Amino acid sequence: MFGTFLDGWRRVDDAVAVIERIVVAIAALAMVLLVFAQSMLRFFADYNLYGATNWATVLLVWVGFLSASLATREKRHIVVDAVPRLLGERRAELLLAVFVQAGTAALLGYLVYASLAYLDSPGVQFRRLMGVVLPWQDMPLETKYVVVVMPVALSLMTLRFLQLSLEDLAIWLGVWPREKRRVPSGIEELLGGGAQSSGGGE
């Protein structure tokens, strides 16, 4: 039952990750094109593309937060994950990882609450970003549409740390196969092979 729940959660997470990657790819491409166009126009035509730099900054914020969320999904949060792996003892490592990831999820949950309070503040709700005009109307973009990525990305990170914690707990309890555990790419090299040596027999 627990394993079936985790399998379903992972399938949903996989679908969400596809959407995130598409958004990140489009935003990153748009950001590069804006900066490139701005540079070329300034250099060759002495023309300033109004709002291009500001829009590139907005896109950078979105790319940064959503990329952090994807990094959590792929267990690239190396600082959090390195400590349990350095300790070795596969079952002890799993149990420690459960607490570390659950604690991180709790901290991120608080940050979600704080970011929602920030999003709801008058300074965000009623402020407009001068120079960042929406393409379909001649008015500046409101700050809240930029800042909204914070609670969205932090919520996804919270859920993913919770998911990782539950998956490790299920493996520790023996109700989910260890082969399904996500392993961050490159961590073995970073830890000097310590992760491989700690992954020996039970």
Protein backbone atom coordinates (compact mmCIF):
# COMPACT_ATOMS: atom_id res chain seq x y z
CA MET A 1 0.00 0.00 0.00
CA PHE A 2 2.77 2.43 1.03
CA GLY A 3 4.83 1.43 -2.02
CA THR A 4 1.87 1.91 -4.36
CA PHE A 5 1.31 5.39 -2.93
CA LEU A 6 4.97 6.30 -3.50
CA ASP A 7 4.87 4.94 -7.06
CA GLY A 8 1.81 7.10 -7.80
CA TRP A 9 3.42 10.16 -6.23
CA ARG A 10 6.52 9.65 -8.35
CA ARG A 11 4.44 9.44 -11.54
CA VAL A 12 2.74 12.75 -10.68
CA ASP A 13 6.10 14.29 -9.84
CA ASP A 14 7.50 13.09 -13.19
CA ALA A 15 4.64 14.86 -15.01
CA VAL A 16 5.17 18.08 -13.03
CA ALA A 17 8.90 17.92 -13.75
CA VAL A 18 8.21 17.76 -17.50
CA ILE A 19 6.20 21.00 -17.25
CA GLU A 20 8.94 22.61 -15.14
CA ARG A 21 11.63 21.67 -17.67
CA ILE A 22 9.57 23.13 -20.53
CA VAL A 23 9.03 26.39 -18.64
CA VAL A 24 12.71 26.60 -17.69
CA ALA A 25 13.82 25.87 -21.26
CA ILE A 26 11.49 28.48 -22.77
CA ALA A 27 12.39 31.08 -20.13
CA ALA A 28 16.13 30.46 -20.52
CA LEU A 29 15.90 30.65 -24.33
CA ALA A 30 13.86 33.85 -24.16
CA MET A 31 16.34 35.34 -21.68
CA VAL A 32 19.32 34.57 -23.93
CA LEU A 33 17.55 35.91 -27.03
CA LEU A 34 16.58 39.13 -25.25
CA VAL A 35 20.12 39.77 -24.02
CA PHE A 36 21.57 38.89 -27.43
CA ALA A 37 19.10 41.12 -29.30
CA GLN A 38 19.73 43.97 -26.88
CA SER A 39 23.50 43.66 -27.34
CA MET A 40 23.32 43.47 -31.13
CA LEU A 41 20.93 46.41 -31.43
CA ARG A 42 23.06 48.56 -29.14
CA PHE A 43 26.29 47.65 -30.93
CA PHE A 44 25.13 47.85 -34.55
CA ALA A 45 22.15 50.23 -34.50
CA ASP A 46 22.73 52.27 -31.34
CA TYR A 47 19.18 51.30 -30.35
CA ASN A 48 17.97 50.29 -26.91
CA LEU A 49 15.32 47.55 -26.79
CA TYR A 50 13.02 48.97 -24.11
CA GLY A 51 12.50 46.62 -21.16
CA ALA A 52 14.77 43.85 -22.49
CA THR A 53 17.18 43.93 -19.56
CA ASN A 54 14.34 44.01 -17.02
CA TRP A 55 12.52 41.14 -18.73
CA ALA A 56 15.77 39.14 -18.76
CA THR A 57 16.04 39.70 -15.00
CA VAL A 58 12.45 38.53 -14.47
CA LEU A 59 13.11 35.38 -16.51
CA LEU A 60 16.33 34.77 -14.58
CA VAL A 61 14.34 34.73 -11.32
CA TRP A 62 11.94 32.14 -12.72
CA VAL A 63 14.73 30.00 -14.16
CA GLY A 64 16.63 30.11 -10.88
CA PHE A 65 13.75 29.08 -8.62
CA LEU A 66 12.37 26.37 -10.92
CA SER A 67 15.87 24.98 -11.54
CA ALA A 68 16.36 24.73 -7.78
CA SER A 69 13.13 22.75 -7.57
CA LEU A 70 14.31 20.38 -10.32
CA ALA A 71 17.67 20.00 -8.59
CA THR A 72 15.85 18.85 -5.46
CA ARG A 73 13.95 16.24 -7.47
CA GLU A 74 17.19 14.86 -8.89
CA LYS A 75 18.90 14.88 -5.48
CA ARG A 76 21.50 17.43 -6.47
CA HIS A 77 21.17 19.19 -3.10
CA ILE A 78 24.65 17.89 -2.33
CA VAL A 79 25.12 19.58 1.05
CA VAL A 80 22.03 17.91 2.50
CA ASP A 81 22.69 14.53 0.89
CA ALA A 82 26.44 14.28 1.49
CA VAL A 83 26.31 13.92 5.29
CA PRO A 84 24.24 10.70 5.44
CA ARG A 85 26.32 9.15 2.65
CA LEU A 86 29.61 9.93 4.38
CA LEU A 87 28.48 8.06 7.50
CA GLY A 88 28.09 4.72 5.70
CA GLU A 89 26.14 1.76 7.14
CA ARG A 90 23.39 1.50 4.58
CA ARG A 91 20.44 1.19 6.97
CA ALA A 92 21.78 3.86 9.32
CA GLU A 93 22.41 6.11 6.31
CA LEU A 94 18.79 5.64 5.19
CA LEU A 95 17.36 6.46 8.59
CA LEU A 96 19.51 9.58 8.93
CA ALA A 97 18.52 10.64 5.40
CA VAL A 98 14.85 10.33 6.41
CA PHE A 99 15.32 12.80 9.28
CA VAL A 100 17.55 15.17 7.32
CA GLN A 101 15.13 15.35 4.38
CA ALA A 102 12.06 15.60 6.61
CA GLY A 103 13.70 18.43 8.56
CA THR A 104 14.59 20.21 5.32
CA ALA A 105 10.98 19.80 4.16
CA ALA A 106 9.77 21.39 7.42
CA LEU A 107 12.14 24.35 6.99
CA LEU A 108 11.07 24.83 3.38
CA GLY A 109 7.43 24.62 4.48
CA TYR A 110 8.07 27.61 6.74
CA LEU A 111 9.71 29.45 3.83
CA VAL A 112 6.57 28.75 1.76
CA TYR A 113 4.51 30.44 4.49
CA ALA A 114 6.94 33.39 4.59
CA SER A 115 6.96 33.77 0.81
CA LEU A 116 3.14 33.72 0.71
CA ALA A 117 3.09 36.49 3.33
CA TYR A 118 5.60 38.44 1.23
CA LEU A 119 3.53 37.87 -1.91
CA ASP A 120 0.44 39.22 -0.12
CA SER A 121 2.21 42.35 1.16
CA PRO A 122 1.06 45.72 -0.25
CA GLY A 123 4.54 46.47 -1.55
CA VAL A 124 4.30 43.45 -3.84
CA GLN A 125 0.58 43.43 -4.64
CA PHE A 126 0.38 47.03 -5.82
CA ARG A 127 3.87 47.69 -7.16
CA ARG A 128 4.58 47.62 -10.88
CA LEU A 129 7.91 46.98 -12.57
CA MET A 130 8.70 49.99 -14.71
CA GLY A 131 10.26 49.03 -18.01
CA VAL A 132 8.74 45.54 -17.95
CA VAL A 133 5.67 45.87 -20.15
CA LEU A 134 3.35 42.98 -20.94
CA PRO A 135 3.36 42.25 -24.69
CA TRP A 136 -0.44 42.30 -25.01
CA GLN A 137 -1.07 45.55 -23.15
CA ASP A 138 0.78 48.81 -22.71
CA MET A 139 1.24 48.66 -18.94
CA PRO A 140 4.06 47.56 -16.61
CA LEU A 141 4.10 44.02 -15.26
CA GLU A 142 2.96 43.77 -11.65
CA THR A 143 5.56 42.57 -9.15
CA LYS A 144 3.31 39.80 -7.84
CA TYR A 145 3.57 37.92 -11.15
CA VAL A 146 7.34 37.78 -10.74
CA VAL A 147 7.37 36.93 -7.02
CA VAL A 148 4.69 34.20 -7.33
CA VAL A 149 7.40 31.79 -8.51
CA MET A 150 8.84 31.79 -4.97
CA PRO A 151 5.98 30.01 -3.15
CA VAL A 152 5.40 27.77 -6.18
CA ALA A 153 9.01 26.58 -6.39
CA LEU A 154 9.43 26.36 -2.61
CA SER A 155 6.22 24.31 -2.34
CA LEU A 156 7.51 21.88 -4.96
CA MET A 157 10.82 21.63 -3.11
CA THR A 158 8.98 20.97 0.17
CA LEU A 159 6.92 18.19 -1.39
CA ARG A 160 9.99 16.68 -3.03
CA PHE A 161 12.04 16.61 0.16
CA LEU A 162 9.05 15.02 1.89
CA GLN A 163 8.78 12.53 -0.98
CA LEU A 164 12.49 11.65 -0.71
CA SER A 165 12.12 11.22 3.04
CA LEU A 166 9.12 8.87 2.66
CA GLU A 167 10.88 6.89 -0.07
CA ASP A 168 13.94 6.34 2.13
CA LEU A 169 11.67 5.42 5.04
CA ALA A 170 9.87 2.87 2.86
CA ILE A 171 13.22 1.37 1.81
CA TRP A 172 14.35 1.26 5.44
CA LEU A 173 11.11 -0.51 6.39
CA GLY A 174 11.62 -2.96 3.55
CA VAL A 175 8.36 -2.13 1.73
CA TRP A 176 9.98 -0.45 -1.30
CA PRO A 177 12.92 -1.69 -3.40
CA ARG A 178 16.26 0.05 -2.88
CA GLU A 179 16.82 0.08 -6.67
CA LYS A 180 14.18 2.81 -6.95
CA ARG A 181 16.13 5.15 -4.69
CA ARG A 182 17.28 8.28 -6.48
CA VAL A 183 21.05 8.66 -6.58
CA PRO A 184 22.43 12.12 -7.38
CA SER A 185 24.76 12.05 -10.36
CA GLY A 186 28.38 12.83 -9.58
CA ILE A 187 28.16 12.42 -5.81
CA GLU A 188 30.48 9.38 -5.82
CA GLU A 189 33.19 11.43 -7.51
CA LEU A 190 32.63 14.38 -5.17
CA LEU A 191 32.92 12.20 -2.09
CA GLY A 192 35.96 10.41 -3.44
CA GLY A 193 34.21 7.09 -3.85
CA GLY A 194 32.88 7.18 -0.28
CA ALA A 195 29.34 6.70 -1.45
CA GLN A 196 30.28 3.51 -3.27
CA SER A 197 32.16 2.09 -0.31
CA SER A 198 29.27 2.90 2.04
CA GLY A 199 26.87 1.09 -0.26
CA GLY A 200 28.15 -2.35 0.59
CA GLY A 201 26.25 -5.12 2.27
CA GLU A 202 23.54 -4.63 4.82
